[in-house]
Protein backbone atom coordinates (compact mmCIF):
# COMPACT_ATOMS: atom_id res chain seq x y z
CA MET A 1 5.49 33.96 28.81
CA CYS A 2 1.88 32.92 29.18
CA GLY A 3 0.10 36.05 29.55
CA GLY A 4 0.21 36.12 33.44
CA LEU A 5 0.20 34.26 36.49
CA HIS A 6 0.02 30.19 36.29
CA ALA A 7 -2.37 28.50 38.71
CA SER A 8 -1.94 24.48 38.65
CA ASN A 9 -4.53 22.02 39.09
CA ARG A 10 -4.23 18.05 40.48
CA CYS A 11 -2.20 16.67 37.39
CA GLY A 12 0.30 19.18 37.82
CA THR A 13 -0.25 21.28 34.58
CA HIS A 14 -0.36 25.01 34.75
CA PHE A 15 -2.86 26.97 33.05
CA GLY A 16 -2.64 30.58 32.59
CA VAL A 17 -4.47 33.51 34.73
CA GLY A 18 -5.15 36.62 33.06
CA ARG A 19 -4.60 39.80 35.14
CA SER A 20 -8.18 39.95 36.53
CA GLY A 21 -7.17 36.58 38.03
CA ALA A 22 -9.46 34.69 35.84
CA ALA A 23 -8.09 31.63 34.71
CA LYS A 24 -8.53 31.72 30.42
CA PRO A 25 -10.48 28.97 28.66
CA PHE A 26 -8.46 26.30 27.34
CA PHE A 27 -9.11 27.26 23.77
CA GLN A 28 -8.09 31.32 24.52
CA GLN A 29 -4.83 29.93 25.72
CA THR A 30 -1.36 30.30 23.45
CA CYS A 31 0.63 27.42 25.48
CA LEU A 32 0.28 25.17 28.26
CA ARG A 33 2.82 25.26 31.26
CA VAL A 34 3.85 21.77 32.34
CA SER A 35 5.96 21.01 35.24
CA ALA A 36 8.35 18.37 35.01
CA GLY A 37 10.21 17.16 37.40
CA GLY A 38 9.41 20.76 39.35
CA THR A 39 10.94 22.23 36.57
CA PRO A 40 8.40 24.39 34.14
CA MET A 41 8.40 23.95 30.79
CA TYR A 42 6.26 25.67 28.32
CA VAL A 43 4.58 23.61 25.58
CA PRO A 44 2.80 25.84 22.54
CA LYS A 45 -1.10 24.45 22.13
CA TRP A 46 -0.17 24.21 18.18
CA LEU A 47 2.29 21.24 19.14
CA LEU A 48 -0.31 19.50 20.98
CA ALA A 49 -2.37 19.89 18.31
CA LEU A 50 -0.22 18.71 16.07
CA GLY A 51 0.60 15.65 18.07
CA CYS A 52 -2.87 14.73 18.12
CA VAL A 53 -3.39 14.80 14.80
CA VAL A 54 -0.58 12.57 14.07
CA PHE A 55 -1.96 10.13 16.70
CA VAL A 56 -4.96 9.68 15.42
CA ALA A 57 -3.65 9.40 11.60
CA LEU A 58 -1.17 6.68 12.85
CA ALA A 59 -3.97 4.81 15.00
CA VAL A 60 -6.08 4.88 11.77
CA TRP A 61 -3.57 3.88 9.54
CA THR A 62 -2.51 0.95 11.74
CA TRP A 63 -6.50 -0.27 11.61
CA LEU A 64 -6.53 -0.36 8.24
CA LEU A 65 -3.38 -2.27 8.23
CA ALA A 66 -4.62 -4.85 10.68
CA ASN A 67 -8.07 -5.14 8.40
CA GLY A 68 -6.42 -5.66 5.07
CA ARG A 69 -6.95 -1.96 3.65
CA ASN A 70 -3.77 -0.02 3.45
CA PRO A 71 -4.62 3.34 1.63
CA LEU A 72 -0.73 3.75 0.86
CA PRO A 73 1.60 1.89 -1.82
CA PHE A 74 3.55 1.04 0.79
CA PRO A 75 4.57 -1.43 1.16
CA ASP A 76 4.70 -3.04 -1.91
CA GLY A 77 5.36 -6.71 -1.47
CA GLY A 78 4.49 -7.59 -4.93
CA SER A 79 1.41 -9.57 -6.02
CA ARG A 80 -0.21 -12.77 -6.62
CA ILE A 81 -1.99 -13.42 -9.55
CA PHE A 82 -4.65 -15.49 -10.87
CA ALA A 83 -6.64 -15.78 -14.33
CA ALA A 84 -10.24 -16.04 -14.74
CA ALA A 85 -11.98 -17.88 -17.59
CA SER A 86 -13.68 -14.72 -18.92
CA PRO A 87 -14.29 -10.95 -18.09
CA GLU A 88 -17.92 -12.29 -16.41
CA ALA A 89 -16.08 -15.13 -14.55
CA LYS A 90 -13.54 -12.70 -13.20
CA ALA A 91 -16.69 -10.28 -12.25
CA ALA A 92 -18.34 -13.14 -10.42
CA ILE A 93 -14.74 -14.31 -8.37
CA VAL A 94 -13.97 -10.85 -7.16
CA ASP A 95 -17.95 -10.18 -6.19
CA VAL A 96 -17.48 -13.45 -3.97
CA LEU A 97 -14.01 -12.16 -2.51
CA ALA A 98 -15.54 -8.61 -1.51
CA ARG A 99 -18.62 -10.80 0.27
CA ASN A 100 -15.97 -12.81 2.27
CA GLY A 101 -13.64 -9.59 3.29
CA LEU A 102 -11.31 -9.21 0.32
CA ARG A 103 -12.12 -5.89 -1.21
CA GLU A 104 -11.08 -4.39 -4.60
CA ARG A 105 -8.72 -1.49 -4.02
CA PHE A 106 -8.76 -0.77 -7.53
CA ARG A 107 -8.85 -1.87 -11.70
CA VAL A 108 -5.38 -1.39 -13.95
CA ASP A 109 -7.43 -2.39 -17.51
CA THR A 110 -5.61 -2.65 -20.79
CA ASP A 111 -6.43 -3.61 -24.30
CA GLY A 112 -4.59 -6.91 -23.46
CA VAL A 113 -5.66 -7.65 -19.54
CA LEU A 114 -8.59 -6.63 -17.20
CA ARG A 115 -6.80 -6.57 -13.56
CA SER A 116 -8.89 -6.36 -10.28
CA ILE A 117 -6.02 -5.44 -7.85
CA LEU A 118 -7.18 -6.51 -4.17
CA PHE A 119 -6.42 -4.69 -0.62
CA ASP A 120 -4.01 -7.71 0.02
CA GLY A 121 -2.32 -7.12 -3.07
CA THR A 122 -4.06 -10.49 -4.82
CA ILE A 123 -4.97 -9.70 -8.52
CA ILE A 124 -7.89 -11.30 -10.58
CA ASN A 125 -7.54 -10.93 -14.06
CA TRP A 126 -8.57 -12.50 -17.13
CA SER A 127 -5.99 -12.01 -20.30
CA ALA A 128 -6.87 -11.84 -24.31
CA PRO A 129 -5.79 -14.48 -26.18
CA GLY A 130 -3.27 -13.06 -27.54
CA VAL A 131 -1.70 -12.72 -23.94
CA THR A 132 -2.22 -15.82 -22.94
CA ARG A 133 -0.82 -17.56 -25.93
CA ARG A 134 2.61 -15.61 -25.20
CA LEU A 135 3.04 -16.73 -21.69
CA ARG A 136 2.18 -20.28 -22.90
CA GLY A 137 -1.34 -20.55 -21.73
CA ALA A 138 -0.30 -19.51 -18.00
CA THR A 139 -3.10 -18.92 -15.61
CA SER A 140 -1.74 -17.93 -12.47
CA ALA A 141 1.73 -15.62 -11.61
CA ILE A 142 3.98 -14.43 -8.54
CA GLY A 143 4.37 -10.93 -9.12
CA LEU A 144 8.11 -9.82 -7.70
CA VAL A 145 8.86 -6.04 -6.91
CA ALA A 146 11.98 -5.20 -9.30
CA ASP A 147 14.48 -2.63 -9.32
CA ASP A 148 15.40 -3.61 -12.75
CA PRO A 149 12.59 -5.86 -14.27
CA LEU A 150 14.71 -7.48 -17.30
CA VAL A 151 18.23 -8.19 -15.13
CA GLN A 152 16.50 -9.78 -12.24
CA ALA A 153 14.35 -12.05 -14.30
CA GLN A 154 17.47 -12.92 -16.59
CA ASP A 155 19.10 -13.41 -13.07
CA ALA A 156 16.45 -15.66 -12.09
CA ALA A 157 16.16 -17.80 -15.15
CA THR A 158 20.12 -18.60 -14.68
CA VAL A 159 19.01 -19.86 -11.27
CA LEU A 160 16.36 -22.41 -12.69
CA ARG A 161 18.80 -23.55 -15.37
CA SER A 162 21.32 -24.46 -13.18
CA HIS A 163 19.07 -26.64 -11.03
CA GLY A 164 18.43 -28.53 -14.29
CA PHE A 165 14.66 -26.71 -15.39
CA SER A 166 14.05 -24.46 -18.38
CA ALA A 167 13.73 -20.95 -17.98
CA ASP A 168 12.60 -17.95 -20.53
CA VAL A 169 12.55 -14.48 -20.32
CA VAL A 170 9.55 -12.97 -22.14
CA GLN A 171 9.24 -9.15 -22.69
CA ASP A 172 6.46 -7.39 -23.84
CA ALA A 173 3.37 -9.71 -23.37
CA GLU A 174 1.43 -7.04 -22.69
CA PRO A 175 2.60 -3.85 -24.89
CA GLY A 176 3.35 -0.75 -22.85
CA VAL A 177 3.14 -2.67 -19.34
CA PRO A 178 6.91 -2.92 -18.21
CA ILE A 179 6.47 -6.20 -16.81
CA VAL A 180 8.74 -9.05 -17.44
CA PHE A 181 7.72 -12.39 -17.40
CA LEU A 182 9.86 -15.21 -16.70
CA LEU A 183 8.38 -19.02 -18.15
CA THR A 184 9.45 -22.41 -16.48
CA ASP A 185 8.42 -26.14 -16.20
CA ALA A 186 9.63 -26.12 -12.67
CA MET A 187 5.90 -23.92 -12.38
CA PRO A 188 3.57 -25.78 -14.90
CA GLY A 189 0.82 -23.40 -15.77
CA THR A 190 2.49 -20.44 -13.55
CA VAL A 191 5.06 -17.63 -14.38
CA LEU A 192 7.01 -15.43 -12.33
CA ASN A 193 6.61 -11.83 -13.26
CA PHE A 194 9.40 -8.93 -12.29
CA ARG A 195 8.06 -5.25 -12.23
CA PRO A 196 8.81 -2.04 -10.71
CA HIS A 197 7.53 -0.56 -7.47
CA VAL A 198 3.75 0.14 -8.02
CA ILE A 199 4.66 4.09 -7.62
CA HIS A 200 6.53 3.75 -10.71
CA MET A 201 3.96 1.41 -12.70
CA PRO A 202 2.04 3.27 -15.44
CA ARG A 203 -1.18 5.19 -13.89
CA PRO A 204 -4.06 3.30 -15.15
CA PRO A 205 -6.23 5.06 -17.86
CA LYS A 206 -9.16 6.76 -16.48
CA PRO A 207 -12.61 5.02 -17.38
């Protein structure tokens, strides 16, 4: 089946032998014959190559995950958002974090907010005064992934009110961005925001 007779090495793997009796080089073989429990089994070389590629890809992805540099949008665990005092302050903070191993992944800048999104999901941003006013001066936020941001924000508001806290749902704090904010006196200076999964967020504009 592999172009002639077969000779085995000490590992029990059988390599193709041509009609002349000379063993073919590995790269000229179309398949390998492997003995498993005394039963020969033919493994196509392309399948072995595919297995190697998959193994290497998984190894690289595991290394990136372990080092906080996942290149994929999965999983999306939400965000922890911190506000800088100015655009210059944001750039300085991002520089300090990068020098300590927490690097910027990409930026999402709009007319109202400048965002640096880091590899671990942390966001360092600066908000224009109009956005800050709509959020009552909040300087930090916990971002939560939601299938329906408005409904889940309203549900969270109901829970907070049942515990005796104020809760106000704010839409369109940043026009054009599908994020719903929840303001509450249970966390002074901090808001909750509900947004779609990152793959459903608007693509950042090209610089």
